[in-house]
């Protein structure tokens, strides 16, 4: 089997030749932090087959965009109060809202920044 020729690391200015795109020094380290402990919950059938589809059917448009007078299709089911592994908050339909990806990412970033400012780590 033929192998790909080595290429320079993807990090700007790094001359190290690699076969997978990154040298050991610049290889991205993807971690979710503490959310790794409960992120598995999103792959459970109760979420993928029941709760998520039910919420998007009940509320097909982004709640935040609607407040601004825009009608944008929701693609993400968000937990209003972050569940942090709490099963009751995770499955409570009253804690779910439909958002577009842009609004969800903005809300998540805001929550993470607030947590860091409070000195808590873990999201």
PDB file of N, CA and C in Angstrom:
ATOM      1  N   UNK A   1       0.840  -1.170   0.000  1.00  0.00           N
ATOM      2  CA  UNK A   1       0.000   0.000   0.000  1.00  0.00           C
ATOM      3  C   UNK A   1       0.891   1.241   0.000  1.00  0.00           C
ATOM      4  N   UNK A   2       0.601   2.163  -0.893  1.00  0.00           N
ATOM      5  CA  UNK A   2       1.378   3.394  -0.992  1.00  0.00           C
ATOM      6  C   UNK A   2       1.025   4.335   0.145  1.00  0.00           C
ATOM      7  N   UNK A   3       2.045   5.035   0.629  1.00  0.00           N
ATOM      8  CA  UNK A   3       1.810   5.992   1.717  1.00  0.00           C
ATOM      9  C   UNK A   3       1.844   7.400   1.140  1.00  0.00           C
ATOM     10  N   UNK A   4       1.126   8.295   1.788  1.00  0.00           N
ATOM     11  CA  UNK A   4       1.143   9.697   1.376  1.00  0.00           C
ATOM     12  C   UNK A   4       2.526  10.274   1.618  1.00  0.00           C
ATOM     13  N   UNK A   5       2.950  11.186   0.756  1.00  0.00           N
ATOM     14  CA  UNK A   5       4.233  11.831   1.023  1.00  0.00           C
ATOM     15  C   UNK A   5       4.100  12.769   2.223  1.00  0.00           C
ATOM     16  N   UNK A   6       5.166  12.919   3.010  1.00  0.00           N
ATOM     17  CA  UNK A   6       5.079  13.833   4.148  1.00  0.00           C
ATOM     18  C   UNK A   6       4.915  15.278   3.697  1.00  0.00           C
ATOM     19  N   UNK A   7       4.182  16.029   4.499  1.00  0.00           N
ATOM     20  CA  UNK A   7       3.946  17.447   4.219  1.00  0.00           C
ATOM     21  C   UNK A   7       4.273  18.251   5.470  1.00  0.00           C
ATOM     22  N   UNK A   8       4.485  19.564   5.308  1.00  0.00           N
ATOM     23  CA  UNK A   8       4.764  20.373   6.495  1.00  0.00           C
ATOM     24  C   UNK A   8       3.555  20.406   7.439  1.00  0.00           C
ATOM     25  N   UNK A   9       3.840  20.567   8.707  1.00  0.00           N
ATOM     26  CA  UNK A   9       2.806  20.697   9.740  1.00  0.00           C
ATOM     27  C   UNK A   9       1.852  21.826   9.352  1.00  0.00           C
ATOM     28  N   UNK A  10       0.583  21.687   9.695  1.00  0.00           N
ATOM     29  CA  UNK A  10      -0.427  22.698   9.358  1.00  0.00           C
ATOM     30  C   UNK A  10      -0.282  23.990  10.160  1.00  0.00           C
ATOM     31  N   UNK A  11       0.459  23.936  11.261  1.00  0.00           N
ATOM     32  CA  UNK A  11       0.653  25.139  12.067  1.00  0.00           C
ATOM     33  C   UNK A  11       1.488  26.138  11.260  1.00  0.00           C
ATOM     34  N   UNK A  12       1.036  27.388  11.157  1.00  0.00           N
ATOM     35  CA  UNK A  12       1.759  28.379  10.351  1.00  0.00           C
ATOM     36  C   UNK A  12       3.224  28.511  10.761  1.00  0.00           C
ATOM     37  N   UNK A  13       4.102  28.336   9.792  1.00  0.00           N
ATOM     38  CA  UNK A  13       5.531  28.521  10.017  1.00  0.00           C
ATOM     39  C   UNK A  13       6.274  27.296  10.525  1.00  0.00           C
ATOM     40  N   UNK A  14       5.577  26.208  10.838  1.00  0.00           N
ATOM     41  CA  UNK A  14       6.244  25.010  11.348  1.00  0.00           C
ATOM     42  C   UNK A  14       6.736  24.165  10.169  1.00  0.00           C
ATOM     43  N   UNK A  15       8.055  23.905  10.079  1.00  0.00           N
ATOM     44  CA  UNK A  15       8.601  23.170   8.940  1.00  0.00           C
ATOM     45  C   UNK A  15       8.629  21.650   9.121  1.00  0.00           C
ATOM     46  N   UNK A  16       8.221  21.128  10.265  1.00  0.00           N
ATOM     47  CA  UNK A  16       8.304  19.696  10.533  1.00  0.00           C
ATOM     48  C   UNK A  16       7.420  18.933   9.554  1.00  0.00           C
ATOM     49  N   UNK A  17       7.976  17.887   8.925  1.00  0.00           N
ATOM     50  CA  UNK A  17       7.222  17.071   7.974  1.00  0.00           C
ATOM     51  C   UNK A  17       6.427  16.000   8.710  1.00  0.00           C
ATOM     52  N   UNK A  18       5.162  15.851   8.311  1.00  0.00           N
ATOM     53  CA  UNK A  18       4.279  14.873   8.945  1.00  0.00           C
ATOM     54  C   UNK A  18       3.463  14.145   7.888  1.00  0.00           C
ATOM     55  N   UNK A  19       2.868  13.048   8.290  1.00  0.00           N
ATOM     56  CA  UNK A  19       1.985  12.315   7.371  1.00  0.00           C
ATOM     57  C   UNK A  19       0.512  12.594   7.670  1.00  0.00           C
ATOM     58  N   UNK A  20       0.204  13.013   8.889  1.00  0.00           N
ATOM     59  CA  UNK A  20      -1.197  13.252   9.254  1.00  0.00           C
ATOM     60  C   UNK A  20      -1.542  14.731   9.378  1.00  0.00           C
ATOM     61  N   UNK A  21      -0.611  15.624   9.100  1.00  0.00           N
ATOM     62  CA  UNK A  21      -0.920  17.042   9.074  1.00  0.00           C
ATOM     63  C   UNK A  21      -0.426  17.850  10.261  1.00  0.00           C
ATOM     64  N   UNK A  22      -0.096  17.193  11.381  1.00  0.00           N
ATOM     65  CA  UNK A  22       0.315  17.930  12.574  1.00  0.00           C
ATOM     66  C   UNK A  22       1.549  17.300  13.196  1.00  0.00           C
ATOM     67  N   UNK A  23       2.489  18.133  13.626  1.00  0.00           N
ATOM     68  CA  UNK A  23       3.623  17.623  14.383  1.00  0.00           C
ATOM     69  C   UNK A  23       3.173  17.428  15.828  1.00  0.00           C
ATOM     70  N   UNK A  24       3.964  16.738  16.628  1.00  0.00           N
ATOM     71  CA  UNK A  24       3.580  16.474  18.019  1.00  0.00           C
ATOM     72  C   UNK A  24       3.404  17.755  18.822  1.00  0.00           C
ATOM     73  N   UNK A  25       4.203  18.761  18.520  1.00  0.00           N
ATOM     74  CA  UNK A  25       4.133  20.020  19.264  1.00  0.00           C
ATOM     75  C   UNK A  25       2.828  20.774  19.001  1.00  0.00           C
ATOM     76  N   UNK A  26       2.314  20.705  17.768  1.00  0.00           N
ATOM     77  CA  UNK A  26       1.145  21.506  17.387  1.00  0.00           C
ATOM     78  C   UNK A  26      -0.143  20.716  17.207  1.00  0.00           C
ATOM     79  N   UNK A  27      -0.122  19.419  17.506  1.00  0.00           N
ATOM     80  CA  UNK A  27      -1.327  18.590  17.346  1.00  0.00           C
ATOM     81  C   UNK A  27      -2.444  19.133  18.240  1.00  0.00           C
ATOM     82  N   UNK A  28      -3.642  19.391  17.681  1.00  0.00           N
ATOM     83  CA  UNK A  28      -4.744  19.912  18.502  1.00  0.00           C
ATOM     84  C   UNK A  28      -5.134  18.901  19.577  1.00  0.00           C
ATOM     85  N   UNK A  29      -5.433  19.411  20.728  1.00  0.00           N
ATOM     86  CA  UNK A  29      -5.887  18.572  21.828  1.00  0.00           C
ATOM     87  C   UNK A  29      -7.338  18.932  22.125  1.00  0.00           C
ATOM     88  N   UNK A  30      -8.228  18.142  21.560  1.00  0.00           N
ATOM     89  CA  UNK A  30      -9.648  18.419  21.713  1.00  0.00           C
ATOM     90  C   UNK A  30     -10.153  17.828  23.020  1.00  0.00           C
ATOM     91  N   UNK A  31     -10.607  18.665  23.906  1.00  0.00           N
ATOM     92  CA  UNK A  31     -11.218  18.184  25.140  1.00  0.00           C
ATOM     93  C   UNK A  31     -12.434  19.042  25.438  1.00  0.00           C
ATOM     94  N   UNK A  32     -13.370  18.467  26.085  1.00  0.00           N
ATOM     95  CA  UNK A  32     -14.562  19.187  26.488  1.00  0.00           C
ATOM     96  C   UNK A  32     -14.466  19.610  27.947  1.00  0.00           C
ATOM     97  N   UNK A  33     -13.417  19.199  28.606  1.00  0.00           N
ATOM     98  CA  UNK A  33     -13.317  19.506  30.026  1.00  0.00           C
ATOM     99  C   UNK A  33     -14.270  18.625  30.805  1.00  0.00           C
ATOM    100  N   UNK A  34     -14.935  19.194  31.775  1.00  0.00           N
ATOM    101  CA  UNK A  34     -15.821  18.411  32.641  1.00  0.00           C
ATOM    102  C   UNK A  34     -17.032  17.880  31.888  1.00  0.00           C
ATOM    103  N   UNK A  35     -17.418  18.511  30.777  1.00  0.00           N
ATOM    104  CA  UNK A  35     -18.597  18.034  30.064  1.00  0.00           C
ATOM    105  C   UNK A  35     -18.375  16.643  29.477  1.00  0.00           C
ATOM    106  N   UNK A  36     -17.109  16.194  29.373  1.00  0.00           N
ATOM    107  CA  UNK A  36     -16.856  14.822  28.936  1.00  0.00           C
ATOM    108  C   UNK A  36     -17.557  13.823  29.838  1.00  0.00           C
ATOM    109  N   UNK A  37     -17.712  14.174  31.098  1.00  0.00           N
ATOM    110  CA  UNK A  37     -18.310  13.258  32.064  1.00  0.00           C
ATOM    111  C   UNK A  37     -19.782  12.987  31.772  1.00  0.00           C
ATOM    112  N   UNK A  38     -20.472  13.900  31.113  1.00  0.00           N
ATOM    113  CA  UNK A  38     -21.901  13.693  30.860  1.00  0.00           C
ATOM    114  C   UNK A  38     -22.313  13.851  29.403  1.00  0.00           C
ATOM    115  N   UNK A  39     -21.387  14.110  28.517  1.00  0.00           N
ATOM    116  CA  UNK A  39     -21.746  14.311  27.110  1.00  0.00           C
ATOM    117  C   UNK A  39     -22.350  13.051  26.472  1.00  0.00           C
ATOM    118  N   UNK A  40     -22.039  11.890  27.028  1.00  0.00           N
ATOM    119  CA  UNK A  40     -22.591  10.631  26.515  1.00  0.00           C
ATOM    120  C   UNK A  40     -24.113  10.610  26.549  1.00  0.00           C
ATOM    121  N   UNK A  41     -24.721  11.418  27.411  1.00  0.00           N
ATOM    122  CA  UNK A  41     -26.175  11.409  27.544  1.00  0.00           C
ATOM    123  C   UNK A  41     -26.874  11.787  26.234  1.00  0.00           C
ATOM    124  N   UNK A  42     -26.200  12.580  25.410  1.00  0.00           N
ATOM    125  CA  UNK A  42     -26.797  13.029  24.147  1.00  0.00           C
ATOM    126  C   UNK A  42     -26.881  11.921  23.095  1.00  0.00           C
ATOM    127  N   UNK A  43     -26.246  10.792  23.343  1.00  0.00           N
ATOM    128  CA  UNK A  43     -26.354   9.687  22.385  1.00  0.00           C
ATOM    129  C   UNK A  43     -27.368   8.627  22.823  1.00  0.00           C
ATOM    130  N   UNK A  44     -28.015   8.829  23.948  1.00  0.00           N
ATOM    131  CA  UNK A  44     -29.023   7.878  24.421  1.00  0.00           C
ATOM    132  C   UNK A  44     -30.306   7.973  23.586  1.00  0.00           C
ATOM    133  N   UNK A  45     -30.973   6.849  23.382  1.00  0.00           N
ATOM    134  CA  UNK A  45     -32.226   6.865  22.615  1.00  0.00           C
ATOM    135  C   UNK A  45     -33.285   7.800  23.204  1.00  0.00           C
ATOM    136  N   UNK A  46     -33.314   7.952  24.518  1.00  0.00           N
ATOM    137  CA  UNK A  46     -34.312   8.846  25.120  1.00  0.00           C
ATOM    138  C   UNK A  46     -34.121  10.276  24.592  1.00  0.00           C
ATOM    139  N   UNK A  47     -32.877  10.660  24.272  1.00  0.00           N
ATOM    140  CA  UNK A  47     -32.623  11.991  23.729  1.00  0.00           C
ATOM    141  C   UNK A  47     -32.801  11.998  22.211  1.00  0.00           C
ATOM    142  N   UNK A  48     -32.150  11.075  21.516  1.00  0.00           N
ATOM    143  CA  UNK A  48     -32.120  11.100  20.052  1.00  0.00           C
ATOM    144  C   UNK A  48     -33.457  10.721  19.411  1.00  0.00           C
ATOM    145  N   UNK A  49     -34.214   9.852  20.071  1.00  0.00           N
ATOM    146  CA  UNK A  49     -35.449   9.359  19.458  1.00  0.00           C
ATOM    147  C   UNK A  49     -36.719   9.958  20.062  1.00  0.00           C
ATOM    148  N   UNK A  50     -36.615  10.519  21.259  1.00  0.00           N
ATOM    149  CA  UNK A  50     -37.832  10.986  21.900  1.00  0.00           C
ATOM    150  C   UNK A  50     -37.789  12.476  22.234  1.00  0.00           C
ATOM    151  N   UNK A  51     -36.903  12.886  23.124  1.00  0.00           N
ATOM    152  CA  UNK A  51     -36.924  14.265  23.628  1.00  0.00           C
ATOM    153  C   UNK A  51     -36.559  15.300  22.575  1.00  0.00           C
ATOM    154  N   UNK A  52     -35.455  15.091  21.872  1.00  0.00           N
ATOM    155  CA  UNK A  52     -35.019  16.077  20.879  1.00  0.00           C
ATOM    156  C   UNK A  52     -36.044  16.241  19.753  1.00  0.00           C
ATOM    157  N   UNK A  53     -36.478  15.142  19.112  1.00  0.00           N
ATOM    158  CA  UNK A  53     -37.479  15.310  18.043  1.00  0.00           C
ATOM    159  C   UNK A  53     -38.784  15.919  18.542  1.00  0.00           C
ATOM    160  N   UNK A  54     -39.204  15.554  19.751  1.00  0.00           N
ATOM    161  CA  UNK A  54     -40.462  16.102  20.290  1.00  0.00           C
ATOM    162  C   UNK A  54     -40.349  17.614  20.475  1.00  0.00           C
ATOM    163  N   UNK A  55     -39.206  18.086  20.969  1.00  0.00           N
ATOM    164  CA  UNK A  55     -39.027  19.524  21.178  1.00  0.00           C
ATOM    165  C   UNK A  55     -39.005  20.268  19.838  1.00  0.00           C
ATOM    166  N   UNK A  56     -38.293  19.738  18.861  1.00  0.00           N
ATOM    167  CA  UNK A  56     -38.218  20.412  17.556  1.00  0.00           C
ATOM    168  C   UNK A  56     -39.556  20.385  16.826  1.00  0.00           C
ATOM    169  N   UNK A  57     -40.389  19.402  17.102  1.00  0.00           N
ATOM    170  CA  UNK A  57     -41.736  19.364  16.528  1.00  0.00           C
ATOM    171  C   UNK A  57     -42.636  20.381  17.227  1.00  0.00           C
ATOM    172  N   UNK A  58     -42.523  20.440  18.549  1.00  0.00           N
ATOM    173  CA  UNK A  58     -43.337  21.355  19.349  1.00  0.00           C
ATOM    174  C   UNK A  58     -42.971  22.814  19.077  1.00  0.00           C
ATOM    175  N   UNK A  59     -41.675  23.068  18.880  1.00  0.00           N
ATOM    176  CA  UNK A  59     -41.187  24.436  18.686  1.00  0.00           C
ATOM    177  C   UNK A  59     -40.165  24.420  17.528  1.00  0.00           C
ATOM    178  N   UNK A  60     -40.638  24.485  16.277  1.00  0.00           N
ATOM    179  CA  UNK A  60     -39.731  24.317  15.138  1.00  0.00           C
ATOM    180  C   UNK A  60     -38.867  25.528  14.806  1.00  0.00           C
ATOM    181  N   UNK A  61     -39.153  26.677  15.418  1.00  0.00           N
ATOM    182  CA  UNK A  61     -38.380  27.880  15.110  1.00  0.00           C
ATOM    183  C   UNK A  61     -37.587  28.339  16.323  1.00  0.00           C
ATOM    184  N   UNK A  62     -36.484  28.996  16.062  1.00  0.00           N
ATOM    185  CA  UNK A  62     -35.576  29.463  17.097  1.00  0.00           C
ATOM    186  C   UNK A  62     -36.270  30.468  18.017  1.00  0.00           C
ATOM    187  N   UNK A  63     -36.225  30.205  19.295  1.00  0.00           N
ATOM    188  CA  UNK A  63     -36.876  31.051  20.287  1.00  0.00           C
ATOM    189  C   UNK A  63     -36.216  32.430  20.364  1.00  0.00           C
ATOM    190  N   UNK A  64     -34.895  32.483  20.309  1.00  0.00           N
ATOM    191  CA  UNK A  64     -34.187  33.765  20.409  1.00  0.00           C
ATOM    192  C   UNK A  64     -34.402  34.621  19.161  1.00  0.00           C
ATOM    193  N   UNK A  65     -34.366  34.010  18.001  1.00  0.00           N
ATOM    194  CA  UNK A  65     -34.610  34.759  16.765  1.00  0.00           C
ATOM    195  C   UNK A  65     -36.038  35.298  16.744  1.00  0.00           C
ATOM    196  N   UNK A  66     -36.988  34.513  17.271  1.00  0.00           N
ATOM    197  CA  UNK A  66     -38.386  34.947  17.314  1.00  0.00           C
ATOM    198  C   UNK A  66     -38.536  36.200  18.169  1.00  0.00           C
ATOM    199  N   UNK A  67     -37.762  36.298  19.260  1.00  0.00           N
ATOM    200  CA  UNK A  67     -37.806  37.494  20.101  1.00  0.00           C
ATOM    201  C   UNK A  67     -37.380  38.732  19.326  1.00  0.00           C
ATOM    202  N   UNK A  68     -36.501  38.541  18.330  1.00  0.00           N
ATOM    203  CA  UNK A  68     -36.024  39.653  17.507  1.00  0.00           C
ATOM    204  C   UNK A  68     -36.875  39.835  16.254  1.00  0.00           C
ATOM    205  N   UNK A  69     -37.973  39.080  16.141  1.00  0.00           N
ATOM    206  CA  UNK A  69     -38.871  39.226  15.006  1.00  0.00           C
ATOM    207  C   UNK A  69     -38.444  38.459  13.764  1.00  0.00           C
ATOM    208  N   UNK A  70     -37.502  37.527  13.902  1.00  0.00           N
ATOM    209  CA  UNK A  70     -37.055  36.725  12.760  1.00  0.00           C
ATOM    210  C   UNK A  70     -37.612  35.312  12.885  1.00  0.00           C
ATOM    211  N   UNK A  71     -37.842  34.694  11.755  1.00  0.00           N
ATOM    212  CA  UNK A  71     -38.367  33.319  11.732  1.00  0.00           C
ATOM    213  C   UNK A  71     -37.279  32.422  11.149  1.00  0.00           C
ATOM    214  N   UNK A  72     -36.528  31.779  12.034  1.00  0.00           N
ATOM    215  CA  UNK A  72     -35.404  30.938  11.632  1.00  0.00           C
ATOM    216  C   UNK A  72     -35.644  29.523  12.148  1.00  0.00           C
ATOM    217  N   UNK A  73     -35.453  28.546  11.298  1.00  0.00           N
ATOM    218  CA  UNK A  73     -35.662  27.143  11.664  1.00  0.00           C
ATOM    219  C   UNK A  73     -34.681  26.751  12.769  1.00  0.00           C
ATOM    220  N   UNK A  74     -35.174  26.123  13.825  1.00  0.00           N
ATOM    221  CA  UNK A  74     -34.332  25.642  14.924  1.00  0.00           C
ATOM    222  C   UNK A  74     -33.689  24.318  14.529  1.00  0.00           C
ATOM    223  N   UNK A  75     -32.432  24.145  14.908  1.00  0.00           N
ATOM    224  CA  UNK A  75     -31.713  22.900  14.626  1.00  0.00           C
ATOM    225  C   UNK A  75     -31.143  22.276  15.894  1.00  0.00           C
ATOM    226  N   UNK A  76     -31.184  23.017  17.007  1.00  0.00           N
ATOM    227  CA  UNK A  76     -30.567  22.560  18.256  1.00  0.00           C
ATOM    228  C   UNK A  76     -31.594  22.639  19.377  1.00  0.00           C
ATOM    229  N   UNK A  77     -31.616  21.610  20.223  1.00  0.00           N
ATOM    230  CA  UNK A  77     -32.426  21.659  21.434  1.00  0.00           C
ATOM    231  C   UNK A  77     -31.476  21.997  22.572  1.00  0.00           C
ATOM    232  N   UNK A  78     -31.743  23.118  23.225  1.00  0.00           N
ATOM    233  CA  UNK A  78     -30.879  23.640  24.277  1.00  0.00           C
ATOM    234  C   UNK A  78     -31.517  23.421  25.644  1.00  0.00           C
ATOM    235  N   UNK A  79     -30.666  23.209  26.634  1.00  0.00           N
ATOM    236  CA  UNK A  79     -31.140  23.148  28.018  1.00  0.00           C
ATOM    237  C   UNK A  79     -31.089  24.567  28.573  1.00  0.00           C
ATOM    238  N   UNK A  80     -32.218  25.093  28.959  1.00  0.00           N
ATOM    239  CA  UNK A  80     -32.303  26.460  29.480  1.00  0.00           C
ATOM    240  C   UNK A  80     -31.395  26.601  30.695  1.00  0.00           C
ATOM    241  N   UNK A  81     -31.546  25.702  31.648  1.00  0.00           N
ATOM    242  CA  UNK A  81     -30.633  25.620  32.790  1.00  0.00           C
ATOM    243  C   UNK A  81     -29.679  24.471  32.482  1.00  0.00           C
ATOM    244  N   UNK A  82     -28.368  24.727  32.356  1.00  0.00           N
ATOM    245  CA  UNK A  82     -27.432  23.642  32.037  1.00  0.00           C
ATOM    246  C   UNK A  82     -27.565  22.485  33.034  1.00  0.00           C
ATOM    247  N   UNK A  83     -27.659  21.273  32.518  1.00  0.00           N
ATOM    248  CA  UNK A  83     -27.935  20.126  33.381  1.00  0.00           C
ATOM    249  C   UNK A  83     -26.699  19.601  34.100  1.00  0.00           C
ATOM    250  N   UNK A  84     -25.516  19.744  33.533  1.00  0.00           N
ATOM    251  CA  UNK A  84     -24.264  19.303  34.164  1.00  0.00           C
ATOM    252  C   UNK A  84     -24.341  17.862  34.681  1.00  0.00           C
ATOM    253  N   UNK A  85     -25.030  17.014  33.942  1.00  0.00           N
ATOM    254  CA  UNK A  85     -25.144  15.608  34.318  1.00  0.00           C
ATOM    255  C   UNK A  85     -26.334  15.282  35.198  1.00  0.00           C
ATOM    256  N   UNK A  86     -27.119  16.266  35.589  1.00  0.00           N
ATOM    257  CA  UNK A  86     -28.303  16.042  36.413  1.00  0.00           C
ATOM    258  C   UNK A  86     -29.404  15.460  35.518  1.00  0.00           C
ATOM    259  N   UNK A  87     -29.747  14.209  35.770  1.00  0.00           N
ATOM    260  CA  UNK A  87     -30.704  13.511  34.903  1.00  0.00           C
ATOM    261  C   UNK A  87     -32.063  14.205  34.856  1.00  0.00           C
ATOM    262  N   UNK A  88     -32.536  14.677  35.998  1.00  0.00           N
ATOM    263  CA  UNK A  88     -33.852  15.324  36.045  1.00  0.00           C
ATOM    264  C   UNK A  88     -33.878  16.568  35.157  1.00  0.00           C
ATOM    265  N   UNK A  89     -32.822  17.389  35.197  1.00  0.00           N
ATOM    266  CA  UNK A  89     -32.754  18.570  34.330  1.00  0.00           C
ATOM    267  C   UNK A  89     -32.576  18.168  32.870  1.00  0.00           C
ATOM    268  N   UNK A  90     -31.853  17.092  32.635  1.00  0.00           N
ATOM    269  CA  UNK A  90     -31.587  16.645  31.272  1.00  0.00           C
ATOM    270  C   UNK A  90     -32.874  16.247  30.544  1.00  0.00           C
ATOM    271  N   UNK A  91     -33.756  15.530  31.223  1.00  0.00           N
ATOM    272  CA  UNK A  91     -34.955  15.002  30.558  1.00  0.00           C
ATOM    273  C   UNK A  91     -36.197  15.864  30.735  1.00  0.00           C
ATOM    274  N   UNK A  92     -36.136  16.926  31.510  1.00  0.00           N
ATOM    275  CA  UNK A  92     -37.302  17.769  31.773  1.00  0.00           C
ATOM    276  C   UNK A  92     -37.661  18.617  30.549  1.00  0.00           C
ATOM    277  N   UNK A  93     -38.792  18.363  29.893  1.00  0.00           N
ATOM    278  CA  UNK A  93     -39.171  19.142  28.710  1.00  0.00           C
ATOM    279  C   UNK A  93     -39.332  20.636  28.999  1.00  0.00           C
ATOM    280  N   UNK A  94     -39.632  20.995  30.223  1.00  0.00           N
ATOM    281  CA  UNK A  94     -39.754  22.411  30.574  1.00  0.00           C
ATOM    282  C   UNK A  94     -38.388  23.107  30.568  1.00  0.00           C
ATOM    283  N   UNK A  95     -37.331  22.322  30.566  1.00  0.00           N
ATOM    284  CA  UNK A  95     -35.973  22.873  30.550  1.00  0.00           C
ATOM    285  C   UNK A  95     -35.393  22.883  29.134  1.00  0.00           C
ATOM    286  N   UNK A  96     -36.188  22.574  28.129  1.00  0.00           N
ATOM    287  CA  UNK A  96     -35.717  22.535  26.746  1.00  0.00           C
ATOM    288  C   UNK A  96     -36.244  23.739  25.969  1.00  0.00           C
ATOM    289  N   UNK A  97     -35.411  24.228  25.068  1.00  0.00           N
ATOM    290  CA  UNK A  97     -35.853  25.270  24.139  1.00  0.00           C
ATOM    291  C   UNK A  97     -35.201  25.004  22.793  1.00  0.00           C
ATOM    292  N   UNK A  98     -35.884  25.381  21.729  1.00  0.00           N
ATOM    293  CA  UNK A  98     -35.366  25.210  20.377  1.00  0.00           C
ATOM    294  C   UNK A  98     -34.607  26.467  19.974  1.00  0.00           C
ATOM    295  N   UNK A  99     -33.404  26.271  19.449  1.00  0.00           N
ATOM    296  CA  UNK A  99     -32.573  27.379  18.997  1.00  0.00           C
ATOM    297  C   UNK A  99     -31.926  27.037  17.667  1.00  0.00           C
ATOM    298  N   UNK A 100     -31.560  28.064  16.921  1.00  0.00           N
ATOM    299  CA  UNK A 100     -30.725  27.840  15.741  1.00  0.00           C
ATOM    300  C   UNK A 100     -29.290  27.655  16.253  1.00  0.00           C
ATOM    301  N   UNK A 101     -28.426  27.123  15.434  1.00  0.00           N
ATOM    302  CA  UNK A 101     -27.057  26.862  15.872  1.00  0.00           C
ATOM    303  C   UNK A 101     -26.349  28.133  16.311  1.00  0.00           C
ATOM    304  N   UNK A 102     -26.545  29.205  15.577  1.00  0.00           N
ATOM    305  CA  UNK A 102     -25.873  30.460  15.905  1.00  0.00           C
ATOM    306  C   UNK A 102     -26.279  30.956  17.296  1.00  0.00           C
ATOM    307  N   UNK A 103     -27.557  30.945  17.601  1.00  0.00           N
ATOM    308  CA  UNK A 103     -28.023  31.390  18.923  1.00  0.00           C
ATOM    309  C   UNK A 103     -27.547  30.438  20.018  1.00  0.00           C
ATOM    310  N   UNK A 104     -27.558  29.136  19.737  1.00  0.00           N
ATOM    311  CA  UNK A 104     -27.090  28.164  20.728  1.00  0.00           C
ATOM    312  C   UNK A 104     -25.610  28.368  21.031  1.00  0.00           C
ATOM    313  N   UNK A 105     -24.796  28.544  19.994  1.00  0.00           N
ATOM    314  CA  UNK A 105     -23.365  28.749  20.204  1.00  0.00           C
ATOM    315  C   UNK A 105     -23.114  30.031  20.996  1.00  0.00           C
ATOM    316  N   UNK A 106     -23.865  31.075  20.695  1.00  0.00           N
ATOM    317  CA  UNK A 106     -23.718  32.344  21.417  1.00  0.00           C
ATOM    318  C   UNK A 106     -24.072  32.167  22.891  1.00  0.00           C
ATOM    319  N   UNK A 107     -25.182  31.474  23.174  1.00  0.00           N
ATOM    320  CA  UNK A 107     -25.613  31.249  24.560  1.00  0.00           C
ATOM    321  C   UNK A 107     -24.587  30.401  25.312  1.00  0.00           C
ATOM    322  N   UNK A 108     -24.098  29.344  24.675  1.00  0.00           N
ATOM    323  CA  UNK A 108     -23.121  28.474  25.308  1.00  0.00           C
ATOM    324  C   UNK A 108     -21.836  29.229  25.627  1.00  0.00           C
ATOM    325  N   UNK A 109     -21.370  30.044  24.697  1.00  0.00           N
ATOM    326  CA  UNK A 109     -20.156  30.818  24.919  1.00  0.00           C
ATOM    327  C   UNK A 109     -20.351  31.801  26.075  1.00  0.00           C
ATOM    328  N   UNK A 110     -21.496  32.433  26.129  1.00  0.00           N
ATOM    329  CA  UNK A 110     -21.788  33.376  27.214  1.00  0.00           C
ATOM    330  C   UNK A 110     -21.779  32.656  28.565  1.00  0.00           C
ATOM    331  N   UNK A 111     -22.392  31.480  28.626  1.00  0.00           N
ATOM    332  CA  UNK A 111     -22.413  30.703  29.870  1.00  0.00           C
ATOM    333  C   UNK A 111     -21.008  30.287  30.286  1.00  0.00           C
ATOM    334  N   UNK A 112     -20.205  29.863  29.319  1.00  0.00           N
ATOM    335  CA  UNK A 112     -18.838  29.448  29.638  1.00  0.00           C
ATOM    336  C   UNK A 112     -18.017  30.628  30.152  1.00  0.00           C
ATOM    337  N   UNK A 113     -18.174  31.779  29.543  1.00  0.00           N
ATOM    338  CA  UNK A 113     -17.441  32.970  29.989  1.00  0.00           C
ATOM    339  C   UNK A 113     -17.866  33.372  31.397  1.00  0.00           C
ATOM    340  N   UNK A 114     -19.157  33.308  31.680  1.00  0.00           N
ATOM    341  CA  UNK A 114     -19.655  33.644  33.014  1.00  0.00           C
ATOM    342  C   UNK A 114     -19.080  32.690  34.056  1.00  0.00           C
ATOM    343  N   UNK A 115     -19.003  31.403  33.712  1.00  0.00           N
ATOM    344  CA  UNK A 115     -18.450  30.422  34.647  1.00  0.00           C
ATOM    345  C   UNK A 115     -16.977  30.693  34.917  1.00  0.00           C
ATOM    346  N   UNK A 116     -16.242  31.037  33.879  1.00  0.00           N
ATOM    347  CA  UNK A 116     -14.818  31.328  34.065  1.00  0.00           C
ATOM    348  C   UNK A 116     -14.621  32.562  34.927  1.00  0.00           C
ATOM    349  N   UNK A 117     -15.477  33.561  34.727  1.00  0.00           N
ATOM    350  CA  UNK A 117     -15.365  34.783  35.522  1.00  0.00           C
ATOM    351  C   UNK A 117     -15.670  34.510  36.995  1.00  0.00           C
ATOM    352  N   UNK A 118     -16.555  33.571  37.253  1.00  0.00           N
ATOM    353  CA  UNK A 118     -16.872  33.208  38.635  1.00  0.00           C
ATOM    354  C   UNK A 118     -15.763  32.361  39.255  1.00  0.00           C
ATOM    355  N   UNK A 119     -14.819  31.940  38.421  1.00  0.00           N
ATOM    356  CA  UNK A 119     -13.717  31.138  38.928  1.00  0.00           C
ATOM    357  C   UNK A 119     -13.969  29.657  38.935  1.00  0.00           C
ATOM    358  N   UNK A 120     -15.122  29.236  38.401  1.00  0.00           N
ATOM    359  CA  UNK A 120     -15.429  27.818  38.341  1.00  0.00           C
ATOM    360  C   UNK A 120     -14.888  27.253  37.057  1.00  0.00           C
ATOM    361  N   UNK A 121     -14.336  26.098  37.125  1.00  0.00           N
ATOM    362  CA  UNK A 121     -13.923  25.374  35.926  1.00  0.00           C
ATOM    363  C   UNK A 121     -14.848  24.190  35.801  1.00  0.00           C
ATOM    364  N   UNK A 122     -15.004  23.688  34.618  1.00  0.00           N
ATOM    365  CA  UNK A 122     -15.775  22.473  34.514  1.00  0.00           C
ATOM    366  C   UNK A 122     -16.804  22.412  33.430  1.00  0.00           C
ATOM    367  N   UNK A 123     -16.924  23.426  32.573  1.00  0.00           N
ATOM    368  CA  UNK A 123     -17.890  23.264  31.499  1.00  0.00           C
ATOM    369  C   UNK A 123     -17.203  23.120  30.222  1.00  0.00           C
TER     370      UNK A 123
END
